[in-house]
Amino acid sequence: MKPVRLTREQSGDQTRQHLLDAAQAVFTKKGFGAASVEAVAADAGYTRGAFYSNVDSKAELLLEVLKRDHDTIMQRLSTIFEGGEASRADMEARVLQYYSECYQDNACFLLWVEAKLHASRDASFRASFNALMRELRQRTTDYIEAFSERAGTPLTIPAEQMALGLIALCDGVQFFYSLDPQSVPAQFAHDVLAQFFRRVALGGGSE
């Protein structure tokens, strides 16, 4: 069987995906600042020239890695509403599970931290990164509003405020869990996020 010949566009997309995979691995291992273009290209099996034929800069590649992770996060959130006839209890269970476990599922967490630091120093990168963060906040806001409407649960605070609080809380818990898991073990982190969402987002009391 003859191998399928890729179009130029398909070949370019494949190369870019390989570079994204390599960038995530190299940036995570070495840190964005210490990682070189050559290291990323080599990990993907390409030359420096091939890197710059597909990507303008290392910072652009970091942003693309984060966009891909952002899409994965949004896809996971969308599963909360799977099944048009899902009951309120089903949706509450799904959303509680997501927000009580998200602190340990994101392999790109440290890259988000590095991106925030890089954005504070690079105005050009900051503009693109802030646009991504605004999209994350808006889509989280949309999911909160959709959840409230479909579950019949009135919001205790405006959706946009809750979205910012949830994102910040998840980031903070994951930061402590990643750096000091002995003092912030998995069950403790789980309980913090689950109880916060149950009481603030769902308006529930103590159990």
C-alpha atoms as a PDB file:
ATOM      1  CA  MET A   1       0.000   0.000   0.000  1.00  0.00           C
ATOM      2  CA  LYS A   2       1.477   3.304  -1.075  1.00  0.00           C
ATOM      3  CA  PRO A   3       1.859   5.971   1.629  1.00  0.00           C
ATOM      4  CA  VAL A   4      -0.647   8.811   1.384  1.00  0.00           C
ATOM      5  CA  ARG A   5       0.915  11.949  -0.022  1.00  0.00           C
ATOM      6  CA  LEU A   6       0.046  14.967   2.096  1.00  0.00           C
ATOM      7  CA  THR A   7      -0.846  18.303   0.569  1.00  0.00           C
ATOM      8  CA  ARG A   8       1.391  21.239   1.398  1.00  0.00           C
ATOM      9  CA  GLU A   9      -1.250  22.516   3.814  1.00  0.00           C
ATOM     10  CA  GLN A  10      -1.588  19.126   5.518  1.00  0.00           C
ATOM     11  CA  SER A  11       2.176  18.788   5.761  1.00  0.00           C
ATOM     12  CA  GLY A  12       2.434  22.246   7.297  1.00  0.00           C
ATOM     13  CA  ASP A  13      -0.288  21.442   9.826  1.00  0.00           C
ATOM     14  CA  GLN A  14       1.457  18.210  10.756  1.00  0.00           C
ATOM     15  CA  THR A  15       4.788  19.973  11.217  1.00  0.00           C
ATOM     16  CA  ARG A  16       3.153  22.613  13.391  1.00  0.00           C
ATOM     17  CA  GLN A  17       1.500  19.968  15.559  1.00  0.00           C
ATOM     18  CA  HIS A  18       4.831  18.208  16.018  1.00  0.00           C
ATOM     19  CA  LEU A  19       6.406  21.513  17.038  1.00  0.00           C
ATOM     20  CA  LEU A  20       3.579  22.168  19.497  1.00  0.00           C
ATOM     21  CA  ASP A  21       4.019  18.742  21.097  1.00  0.00           C
ATOM     22  CA  ALA A  22       7.780  19.259  21.308  1.00  0.00           C
ATOM     23  CA  ALA A  23       7.396  22.779  22.700  1.00  0.00           C
ATOM     24  CA  GLN A  24       5.063  21.597  25.462  1.00  0.00           C
ATOM     25  CA  ALA A  25       7.515  18.851  26.436  1.00  0.00           C
ATOM     26  CA  VAL A  26      10.650  21.022  26.270  1.00  0.00           C
ATOM     27  CA  PHE A  27       9.109  24.106  27.898  1.00  0.00           C
ATOM     28  CA  THR A  28       7.732  21.960  30.723  1.00  0.00           C
ATOM     29  CA  LYS A  29      11.055  20.227  31.317  1.00  0.00           C
ATOM     30  CA  LYS A  30      13.447  23.175  30.940  1.00  0.00           C
ATOM     31  CA  GLY A  31      11.208  26.184  31.458  1.00  0.00           C
ATOM     32  CA  PHE A  32      10.213  28.629  28.730  1.00  0.00           C
ATOM     33  CA  GLY A  33      13.095  31.009  29.392  1.00  0.00           C
ATOM     34  CA  ALA A  34      15.789  28.324  29.357  1.00  0.00           C
ATOM     35  CA  ALA A  35      14.423  26.365  26.401  1.00  0.00           C
ATOM     36  CA  SER A  36      16.010  27.133  23.054  1.00  0.00           C
ATOM     37  CA  VAL A  37      14.539  27.125  19.577  1.00  0.00           C
ATOM     38  CA  GLU A  38      17.106  24.487  18.657  1.00  0.00           C
ATOM     39  CA  ALA A  39      15.981  22.209  21.498  1.00  0.00           C
ATOM     40  CA  VAL A  40      12.336  22.424  20.447  1.00  0.00           C
ATOM     41  CA  ALA A  41      13.158  21.834  16.780  1.00  0.00           C
ATOM     42  CA  ALA A  42      15.402  18.877  17.607  1.00  0.00           C
ATOM     43  CA  ASP A  43      12.775  17.291  19.868  1.00  0.00           C
ATOM     44  CA  ALA A  44      10.277  17.544  17.003  1.00  0.00           C
ATOM     45  CA  GLY A  45      12.792  16.116  14.544  1.00  0.00           C
ATOM     46  CA  TYR A  46      13.298  19.321  12.550  1.00  0.00           C
ATOM     47  CA  THR A  47      16.000  21.901  11.919  1.00  0.00           C
ATOM     48  CA  ARG A  48      16.106  25.482  13.170  1.00  0.00           C
ATOM     49  CA  GLY A  49      15.223  26.556   9.644  1.00  0.00           C
ATOM     50  CA  ALA A  50      12.125  24.368   9.618  1.00  0.00           C
ATOM     51  CA  PHE A  51      11.115  25.888  12.954  1.00  0.00           C
ATOM     52  CA  TYR A  52      11.159  29.419  11.560  1.00  0.00           C
ATOM     53  CA  SER A  53       9.420  28.293   8.383  1.00  0.00           C
ATOM     54  CA  ASN A  54       6.390  27.405  10.505  1.00  0.00           C
ATOM     55  CA  VAL A  55       6.615  29.650  13.577  1.00  0.00           C
ATOM     56  CA  ASP A  56       7.746  33.255  13.966  1.00  0.00           C
ATOM     57  CA  SER A  57       9.067  32.953  17.507  1.00  0.00           C
ATOM     58  CA  LYS A  58       9.327  30.845  20.642  1.00  0.00           C
ATOM     59  CA  ALA A  59       6.749  33.092  22.317  1.00  0.00           C
ATOM     60  CA  GLU A  60       4.270  32.465  19.508  1.00  0.00           C
ATOM     61  CA  LEU A  61       4.685  28.734  20.030  1.00  0.00           C
ATOM     62  CA  LEU A  62       4.078  29.094  23.784  1.00  0.00           C
ATOM     63  CA  LEU A  63       0.851  30.952  23.044  1.00  0.00           C
ATOM     64  CA  GLU A  64      -0.255  28.234  20.632  1.00  0.00           C
ATOM     65  CA  VAL A  65       0.431  25.551  23.252  1.00  0.00           C
ATOM     66  CA  LEU A  66      -1.727  27.474  25.740  1.00  0.00           C
ATOM     67  CA  LYS A  67      -4.503  27.965  23.179  1.00  0.00           C
ATOM     68  CA  ARG A  68      -4.574  24.221  22.606  1.00  0.00           C
ATOM     69  CA  ASP A  69      -4.756  23.613  26.369  1.00  0.00           C
ATOM     70  CA  HIS A  70      -7.489  26.254  26.624  1.00  0.00           C
ATOM     71  CA  ASP A  71      -9.536  24.378  24.000  1.00  0.00           C
ATOM     72  CA  THR A  72      -9.115  21.150  25.968  1.00  0.00           C
ATOM     73  CA  ILE A  73     -10.383  22.877  29.112  1.00  0.00           C
ATOM     74  CA  MET A  74     -13.436  24.198  27.254  1.00  0.00           C
ATOM     75  CA  GLN A  75     -14.169  20.754  25.815  1.00  0.00           C
ATOM     76  CA  ARG A  76     -14.103  19.276  29.316  1.00  0.00           C
ATOM     77  CA  LEU A  77     -16.488  21.939  30.561  1.00  0.00           C
ATOM     78  CA  SER A  78     -18.864  21.230  27.686  1.00  0.00           C
ATOM     79  CA  THR A  79     -19.299  17.634  28.917  1.00  0.00           C
ATOM     80  CA  ILE A  80     -21.227  19.030  31.874  1.00  0.00           C
ATOM     81  CA  PHE A  81     -24.181  19.546  29.533  1.00  0.00           C
ATOM     82  CA  GLU A  82     -23.933  16.251  27.599  1.00  0.00           C
ATOM     83  CA  GLY A  83     -27.310  14.668  27.192  1.00  0.00           C
ATOM     84  CA  GLY A  84     -30.135  17.120  26.613  1.00  0.00           C
ATOM     85  CA  GLU A  85     -32.226  15.563  29.368  1.00  0.00           C
ATOM     86  CA  ALA A  86     -29.514  15.560  32.041  1.00  0.00           C
ATOM     87  CA  SER A  87     -31.018  16.231  35.441  1.00  0.00           C
ATOM     88  CA  ARG A  88     -29.927  19.001  37.768  1.00  0.00           C
ATOM     89  CA  ALA A  89     -28.347  16.392  40.049  1.00  0.00           C
ATOM     90  CA  ASP A  90     -26.379  14.963  37.120  1.00  0.00           C
ATOM     91  CA  MET A  91     -25.094  18.389  36.056  1.00  0.00           C
ATOM     92  CA  GLU A  92     -24.213  19.352  39.626  1.00  0.00           C
ATOM     93  CA  ALA A  93     -22.292  16.083  40.074  1.00  0.00           C
ATOM     94  CA  ARG A  94     -20.376  16.665  36.826  1.00  0.00           C
ATOM     95  CA  VAL A  95     -19.462  20.243  37.586  1.00  0.00           C
ATOM     96  CA  LEU A  96     -18.430  19.406  41.149  1.00  0.00           C
ATOM     97  CA  GLN A  97     -16.239  16.616  39.849  1.00  0.00           C
ATOM     98  CA  TYR A  98     -14.612  18.915  37.297  1.00  0.00           C
ATOM     99  CA  TYR A  99     -13.865  21.748  39.719  1.00  0.00           C
ATOM    100  CA  SER A 100     -12.700  19.441  42.486  1.00  0.00           C
ATOM    101  CA  GLU A 101     -10.212  17.647  40.209  1.00  0.00           C
ATOM    102  CA  CYS A 102      -9.037  20.307  37.741  1.00  0.00           C
ATOM    103  CA  TYR A 103      -6.088  21.242  39.982  1.00  0.00           C
ATOM    104  CA  GLN A 104      -4.299  17.982  39.182  1.00  0.00           C
ATOM    105  CA  ASP A 105      -5.276  17.417  35.538  1.00  0.00           C
ATOM    106  CA  ASN A 106      -3.627  20.319  33.733  1.00  0.00           C
ATOM    107  CA  ALA A 107      -0.159  19.354  32.521  1.00  0.00           C
ATOM    108  CA  CYS A 108       0.312  22.878  31.164  1.00  0.00           C
ATOM    109  CA  PHE A 109      -0.220  24.646  34.488  1.00  0.00           C
ATOM    110  CA  LEU A 110       3.396  25.739  34.934  1.00  0.00           C
ATOM    111  CA  LEU A 111       3.429  27.014  31.350  1.00  0.00           C
ATOM    112  CA  TRP A 112       0.476  29.269  32.181  1.00  0.00           C
ATOM    113  CA  VAL A 113       2.468  30.594  35.146  1.00  0.00           C
ATOM    114  CA  GLU A 114       5.501  31.247  32.950  1.00  0.00           C
ATOM    115  CA  ALA A 115       3.316  32.912  30.331  1.00  0.00           C
ATOM    116  CA  LYS A 116       1.958  35.321  32.942  1.00  0.00           C
ATOM    117  CA  LEU A 117       5.495  36.268  33.950  1.00  0.00           C
ATOM    118  CA  HIS A 118       6.550  36.672  30.321  1.00  0.00           C
ATOM    119  CA  ALA A 119       3.476  38.803  29.613  1.00  0.00           C
ATOM    120  CA  SER A 120       4.430  41.149  32.455  1.00  0.00           C
ATOM    121  CA  ARG A 121       7.726  41.882  30.673  1.00  0.00           C
ATOM    122  CA  ASP A 122       6.795  41.717  26.996  1.00  0.00           C
ATOM    123  CA  ALA A 123       4.111  44.140  25.804  1.00  0.00           C
ATOM    124  CA  SER A 124       3.609  42.404  22.457  1.00  0.00           C
ATOM    125  CA  PHE A 125       3.114  38.996  24.054  1.00  0.00           C
ATOM    126  CA  ARG A 126       0.952  40.569  26.776  1.00  0.00           C
ATOM    127  CA  ALA A 127      -1.634  41.749  24.250  1.00  0.00           C
ATOM    128  CA  SER A 128      -2.078  38.271  22.751  1.00  0.00           C
ATOM    129  CA  PHE A 129      -1.986  36.537  26.125  1.00  0.00           C
ATOM    130  CA  ASN A 130      -4.542  38.913  27.639  1.00  0.00           C
ATOM    131  CA  ALA A 131      -6.862  38.252  24.702  1.00  0.00           C
ATOM    132  CA  LEU A 132      -6.627  34.528  25.449  1.00  0.00           C
ATOM    133  CA  MET A 133      -7.312  35.111  29.140  1.00  0.00           C
ATOM    134  CA  ARG A 134     -10.328  37.288  28.339  1.00  0.00           C
ATOM    135  CA  GLU A 135     -11.690  34.518  26.123  1.00  0.00           C
ATOM    136  CA  LEU A 136     -11.185  31.998  28.937  1.00  0.00           C
ATOM    137  CA  ARG A 137     -13.049  34.241  31.384  1.00  0.00           C
ATOM    138  CA  GLN A 138     -15.879  34.910  28.929  1.00  0.00           C
ATOM    139  CA  ARG A 139     -16.400  31.278  28.014  1.00  0.00           C
ATOM    140  CA  THR A 140     -16.320  30.302  31.692  1.00  0.00           C
ATOM    141  CA  THR A 141     -18.899  33.024  32.349  1.00  0.00           C
ATOM    142  CA  ASP A 142     -21.059  31.611  29.554  1.00  0.00           C
ATOM    143  CA  TYR A 143     -20.861  28.110  31.030  1.00  0.00           C
ATOM    144  CA  ILE A 144     -21.820  29.389  34.482  1.00  0.00           C
ATOM    145  CA  GLU A 145     -24.841  31.216  33.060  1.00  0.00           C
ATOM    146  CA  ALA A 146     -25.862  28.150  31.037  1.00  0.00           C
ATOM    147  CA  PHE A 147     -25.495  25.921  34.081  1.00  0.00           C
ATOM    148  CA  SER A 148     -27.586  28.259  36.220  1.00  0.00           C
ATOM    149  CA  GLU A 149     -30.347  28.390  33.610  1.00  0.00           C
ATOM    150  CA  ARG A 150     -30.457  24.668  32.867  1.00  0.00           C
ATOM    151  CA  ALA A 151     -30.103  23.556  36.485  1.00  0.00           C
ATOM    152  CA  GLY A 152     -32.553  26.149  37.763  1.00  0.00           C
ATOM    153  CA  THR A 153     -30.014  27.369  40.321  1.00  0.00           C
ATOM    154  CA  PRO A 154     -29.998  31.171  40.849  1.00  0.00           C
ATOM    155  CA  LEU A 155     -26.501  32.656  40.929  1.00  0.00           C
ATOM    156  CA  THR A 156     -25.371  34.015  44.272  1.00  0.00           C
ATOM    157  CA  ILE A 157     -23.029  36.549  42.601  1.00  0.00           C
ATOM    158  CA  PRO A 158     -22.801  37.819  38.993  1.00  0.00           C
ATOM    159  CA  ALA A 159     -21.533  35.179  36.572  1.00  0.00           C
ATOM    160  CA  GLU A 160     -18.528  37.222  35.443  1.00  0.00           C
ATOM    161  CA  GLN A 161     -17.408  37.645  39.059  1.00  0.00           C
ATOM    162  CA  MET A 162     -17.878  33.954  39.758  1.00  0.00           C
ATOM    163  CA  ALA A 163     -15.882  33.060  36.637  1.00  0.00           C
ATOM    164  CA  LEU A 164     -12.939  35.177  37.734  1.00  0.00           C
ATOM    165  CA  GLY A 165     -13.118  33.772  41.270  1.00  0.00           C
ATOM    166  CA  LEU A 166     -13.218  30.156  40.072  1.00  0.00           C
ATOM    167  CA  ILE A 167     -10.310  30.608  37.671  1.00  0.00           C
ATOM    168  CA  ALA A 168      -8.237  32.359  40.336  1.00  0.00           C
ATOM    169  CA  LEU A 169      -9.110  29.754  42.982  1.00  0.00           C
ATOM    170  CA  CYS A 170      -8.264  26.820  40.698  1.00  0.00           C
ATOM    171  CA  ASP A 171      -4.944  28.460  39.778  1.00  0.00           C
ATOM    172  CA  GLY A 172      -4.121  29.139  43.417  1.00  0.00           C
ATOM    173  CA  VAL A 173      -4.971  25.646  44.649  1.00  0.00           C
ATOM    174  CA  GLN A 174      -3.003  24.066  41.800  1.00  0.00           C
ATOM    175  CA  PHE A 175      -0.031  26.310  42.574  1.00  0.00           C
ATOM    176  CA  PHE A 176       0.101  25.170  46.212  1.00  0.00           C
ATOM    177  CA  TYR A 177      -0.626  21.536  45.314  1.00  0.00           C
ATOM    178  CA  SER A 178       2.127  21.496  42.658  1.00  0.00           C
ATOM    179  CA  LEU A 179       4.807  23.085  44.830  1.00  0.00           C
ATOM    180  CA  ASP A 180       3.993  21.719  48.279  1.00  0.00           C
ATOM    181  CA  PRO A 181       1.815  18.583  48.036  1.00  0.00           C
ATOM    182  CA  GLN A 182       2.749  17.529  51.572  1.00  0.00           C
ATOM    183  CA  SER A 183       0.993  20.502  53.177  1.00  0.00           C
ATOM    184  CA  VAL A 184      -1.712  20.688  50.491  1.00  0.00           C
ATOM    185  CA  PRO A 185      -2.413  17.009  49.719  1.00  0.00           C
ATOM    186  CA  ALA A 186      -4.795  15.892  46.995  1.00  0.00           C
ATOM    187  CA  GLN A 187      -7.800  15.324  49.264  1.00  0.00           C
ATOM    188  CA  PHE A 188      -7.402  18.731  50.908  1.00  0.00           C
ATOM    189  CA  ALA A 189      -7.198  20.470  47.521  1.00  0.00           C
ATOM    190  CA  HIS A 190     -10.216  18.475  46.338  1.00  0.00           C
ATOM    191  CA  ASP A 191     -12.275  19.494  49.365  1.00  0.00           C
ATOM    192  CA  VAL A 192     -11.394  23.190  49.041  1.00  0.00           C
ATOM    193  CA  LEU A 193     -12.554  23.375  45.431  1.00  0.00           C
ATOM    194  CA  ALA A 194     -15.609  21.164  45.887  1.00  0.00           C
ATOM    195  CA  GLN A 195     -16.846  23.051  48.955  1.00  0.00           C
ATOM    196  CA  PHE A 196     -16.242  26.442  47.362  1.00  0.00           C
ATOM    197  CA  PHE A 197     -18.220  25.523  44.273  1.00  0.00           C
ATOM    198  CA  ARG A 198     -20.983  23.830  46.270  1.00  0.00           C
ATOM    199  CA  ARG A 199     -21.498  26.826  48.561  1.00  0.00           C
ATOM    200  CA  VAL A 200     -20.831  29.739  46.193  1.00  0.00           C
ATOM    201  CA  ALA A 201     -21.862  28.461  42.779  1.00  0.00           C
ATOM    202  CA  LEU A 202     -24.684  26.171  43.870  1.00  0.00           C
ATOM    203  CA  GLY A 203     -25.698  28.130  46.954  1.00  0.00           C
ATOM    204  CA  GLY A 204     -25.585  25.067  49.185  1.00  0.00           C
ATOM    205  CA  GLY A 205     -24.926  25.035  52.899  1.00  0.00           C
ATOM    206  CA  SER A 206     -22.643  22.858  54.940  1.00  0.00           C
ATOM    207  CA  GLU A 207     -23.254  19.158  54.913  1.00  0.00           C
END
